[in-house]
Amino acid sequence: MDCGAALAEHTRMTTDTSLSTLRRRAFGMAVVQLRNARHLSQERLALMAGIDRSYMGRIERGERSVGYDKIWAIGDALGVSFLELAQQMQVEFQVLRRESDGTGR
């Protein structure tokens, strides 16, 4: 790999694993885990939370930062408290952090 390609790869990896990116991805993964455990479709959860389905997809993929009002609405739709949602997010964050550090699960 030439120097330019190595720098580009390093930049991509650094950007992909930034703390804010990991947090967004962890939140999205937590929502997916809780949604699946309740046998809800993404569309149904979005409807229950008052969020556009495509926006919910971006949240679940970690592409969007989410404000407190939306976090509360998602938690309410899932039937979980803010604390339960945060705890699941922390679990997912630890998994992502280990993966980004190269230590695996």
C-alpha atoms as a PDB file:
ATOM      1  CA  MET A   1       0.000   0.000   0.000  1.00  0.00           C
ATOM      2  CA  ASP A   2       1.433   3.342  -0.968  1.00  0.00           C
ATOM      3  CA  CYS A   3       1.692   6.222   1.510  1.00  0.00           C
ATOM      4  CA  GLY A   4      -1.374   8.059   0.139  1.00  0.00           C
ATOM      5  CA  ALA A   5      -3.557   4.970   0.315  1.00  0.00           C
ATOM      6  CA  ALA A   6      -2.335   4.207   3.838  1.00  0.00           C
ATOM      7  CA  LEU A   7      -3.153   7.752   4.948  1.00  0.00           C
ATOM      8  CA  ALA A   8      -6.605   7.554   3.369  1.00  0.00           C
ATOM      9  CA  GLU A   9      -7.292   4.226   5.104  1.00  0.00           C
ATOM     10  CA  HIS A  10      -6.096   5.600   8.451  1.00  0.00           C
ATOM     11  CA  THR A  11      -8.318   8.674   8.042  1.00  0.00           C
ATOM     12  CA  ARG A  12     -11.327   6.496   7.190  1.00  0.00           C
ATOM     13  CA  MET A  13     -10.744   4.232  10.184  1.00  0.00           C
ATOM     14  CA  THR A  14     -10.216   7.161  12.552  1.00  0.00           C
ATOM     15  CA  THR A  15     -13.370   8.843  11.311  1.00  0.00           C
ATOM     16  CA  ASP A  16     -15.417   5.646  11.463  1.00  0.00           C
ATOM     17  CA  THR A  17     -14.407   4.924  15.038  1.00  0.00           C
ATOM     18  CA  SER A  18     -14.616   8.422  16.527  1.00  0.00           C
ATOM     19  CA  LEU A  19     -16.279   8.570  19.907  1.00  0.00           C
ATOM     20  CA  SER A  20     -19.383  10.349  18.631  1.00  0.00           C
ATOM     21  CA  THR A  21     -19.748   7.835  15.814  1.00  0.00           C
ATOM     22  CA  LEU A  22     -19.439   4.942  18.255  1.00  0.00           C
ATOM     23  CA  ARG A  23     -22.068   6.533  20.497  1.00  0.00           C
ATOM     24  CA  ARG A  24     -24.506   7.019  17.612  1.00  0.00           C
ATOM     25  CA  ARG A  25     -23.955   3.458  16.422  1.00  0.00           C
ATOM     26  CA  ALA A  26     -24.368   2.113  19.980  1.00  0.00           C
ATOM     27  CA  PHE A  27     -27.662   3.950  20.376  1.00  0.00           C
ATOM     28  CA  GLY A  28     -28.892   2.596  17.055  1.00  0.00           C
ATOM     29  CA  MET A  29     -27.848  -0.937  17.935  1.00  0.00           C
ATOM     30  CA  ALA A  30     -29.615  -0.648  21.303  1.00  0.00           C
ATOM     31  CA  VAL A  31     -32.820   0.444  19.571  1.00  0.00           C
ATOM     32  CA  VAL A  32     -32.577  -2.483  17.135  1.00  0.00           C
ATOM     33  CA  GLN A  33     -31.953  -4.987  19.948  1.00  0.00           C
ATOM     34  CA  LEU A  34     -34.890  -3.726  22.001  1.00  0.00           C
ATOM     35  CA  ARG A  35     -37.140  -3.452  18.940  1.00  0.00           C
ATOM     36  CA  ASN A  36     -36.357  -6.999  17.835  1.00  0.00           C
ATOM     37  CA  ALA A  37     -36.914  -8.340  21.354  1.00  0.00           C
ATOM     38  CA  ARG A  38     -40.420  -6.879  21.159  1.00  0.00           C
ATOM     39  CA  HIS A  39     -41.039  -8.231  17.648  1.00  0.00           C
ATOM     40  CA  LEU A  40     -41.655  -4.754  16.259  1.00  0.00           C
ATOM     41  CA  SER A  41     -40.894  -3.728  12.721  1.00  0.00           C
ATOM     42  CA  GLN A  42     -38.884  -0.591  12.169  1.00  0.00           C
ATOM     43  CA  GLU A  43     -41.941   0.959  10.553  1.00  0.00           C
ATOM     44  CA  ARG A  44     -44.179   0.115  13.519  1.00  0.00           C
ATOM     45  CA  LEU A  45     -41.689   1.496  16.044  1.00  0.00           C
ATOM     46  CA  ALA A  46     -41.318   4.684  14.027  1.00  0.00           C
ATOM     47  CA  LEU A  47     -45.096   5.108  13.908  1.00  0.00           C
ATOM     48  CA  MET A  48     -45.419   4.494  17.661  1.00  0.00           C
ATOM     49  CA  ALA A  49     -42.631   6.994  18.399  1.00  0.00           C
ATOM     50  CA  GLY A  50     -43.939   9.612  15.978  1.00  0.00           C
ATOM     51  CA  ILE A  51     -40.799   9.461  13.857  1.00  0.00           C
ATOM     52  CA  ASP A  52     -40.537   9.091  10.080  1.00  0.00           C
ATOM     53  CA  ARG A  53     -39.540   5.524   9.153  1.00  0.00           C
ATOM     54  CA  SER A  54     -36.582   6.622   7.042  1.00  0.00           C
ATOM     55  CA  TYR A  55     -35.336   8.802   9.917  1.00  0.00           C
ATOM     56  CA  MET A  56     -35.686   5.801  12.259  1.00  0.00           C
ATOM     57  CA  GLY A  57     -33.554   3.802   9.819  1.00  0.00           C
ATOM     58  CA  ARG A  58     -30.842   6.444   9.969  1.00  0.00           C
ATOM     59  CA  ILE A  59     -31.019   6.423  13.773  1.00  0.00           C
ATOM     60  CA  GLU A  60     -30.677   2.639  13.860  1.00  0.00           C
ATOM     61  CA  ARG A  61     -27.688   2.768  11.505  1.00  0.00           C
ATOM     62  CA  GLY A  62     -26.019   5.394  13.696  1.00  0.00           C
ATOM     63  CA  GLU A  63     -26.167   8.032  10.994  1.00  0.00           C
ATOM     64  CA  ARG A  64     -28.130  10.589  13.046  1.00  0.00           C
ATOM     65  CA  SER A  65     -27.660  12.197  16.433  1.00  0.00           C
ATOM     66  CA  VAL A  66     -30.858  12.065  18.424  1.00  0.00           C
ATOM     67  CA  GLY A  67     -32.179  14.674  20.844  1.00  0.00           C
ATOM     68  CA  TYR A  68     -33.702  13.908  24.229  1.00  0.00           C
ATOM     69  CA  ASP A  69     -37.278  14.277  23.020  1.00  0.00           C
ATOM     70  CA  LYS A  70     -36.751  11.610  20.360  1.00  0.00           C
ATOM     71  CA  ILE A  71     -34.878   9.353  22.803  1.00  0.00           C
ATOM     72  CA  TRP A  72     -37.798   9.569  25.245  1.00  0.00           C
ATOM     73  CA  ALA A  73     -40.308   8.926  22.433  1.00  0.00           C
ATOM     74  CA  ILE A  74     -38.379   5.850  21.271  1.00  0.00           C
ATOM     75  CA  GLY A  75     -38.090   4.549  24.836  1.00  0.00           C
ATOM     76  CA  ASP A  76     -41.803   5.088  25.431  1.00  0.00           C
ATOM     77  CA  ALA A  77     -42.651   3.292  22.180  1.00  0.00           C
ATOM     78  CA  LEU A  78     -40.402   0.389  23.210  1.00  0.00           C
ATOM     79  CA  GLY A  79     -41.907   0.329  26.700  1.00  0.00           C
ATOM     80  CA  VAL A  80     -38.553   0.931  28.388  1.00  0.00           C
ATOM     81  CA  SER A  81     -37.283   3.657  30.645  1.00  0.00           C
ATOM     82  CA  PHE A  82     -34.603   6.120  29.654  1.00  0.00           C
ATOM     83  CA  LEU A  83     -32.282   4.233  32.031  1.00  0.00           C
ATOM     84  CA  GLU A  84     -32.981   0.859  30.395  1.00  0.00           C
ATOM     85  CA  LEU A  85     -32.328   2.344  26.979  1.00  0.00           C
ATOM     86  CA  ALA A  86     -29.083   3.893  28.228  1.00  0.00           C
ATOM     87  CA  GLN A  87     -27.998   0.582  29.779  1.00  0.00           C
ATOM     88  CA  GLN A  88     -28.535  -1.266  26.500  1.00  0.00           C
ATOM     89  CA  MET A  89     -26.676   1.500  24.695  1.00  0.00           C
ATOM     90  CA  GLN A  90     -23.746   1.071  27.109  1.00  0.00           C
ATOM     91  CA  VAL A  91     -23.631  -2.676  26.372  1.00  0.00           C
ATOM     92  CA  GLU A  92     -23.537  -2.005  22.636  1.00  0.00           C
ATOM     93  CA  PHE A  93     -20.977   0.776  23.086  1.00  0.00           C
ATOM     94  CA  GLN A  94     -18.598  -1.580  24.906  1.00  0.00           C
ATOM     95  CA  VAL A  95     -18.870  -4.122  22.081  1.00  0.00           C
ATOM     96  CA  LEU A  96     -18.156  -1.454  19.459  1.00  0.00           C
ATOM     97  CA  ARG A  97     -15.285  -0.034  21.506  1.00  0.00           C
ATOM     98  CA  ARG A  98     -13.616  -3.450  21.790  1.00  0.00           C
ATOM     99  CA  GLU A  99     -14.095  -4.017  18.069  1.00  0.00           C
ATOM    100  CA  SER A 100     -12.605  -0.624  17.202  1.00  0.00           C
ATOM    101  CA  ASP A 101      -9.654  -1.303  19.516  1.00  0.00           C
ATOM    102  CA  GLY A 102      -9.081  -4.597  17.715  1.00  0.00           C
ATOM    103  CA  THR A 103      -9.776  -6.734  20.800  1.00  0.00           C
ATOM    104  CA  GLY A 104     -12.991  -8.271  19.465  1.00  0.00           C
ATOM    105  CA  ARG A 105     -15.975  -9.256  21.572  1.00  0.00           C
END
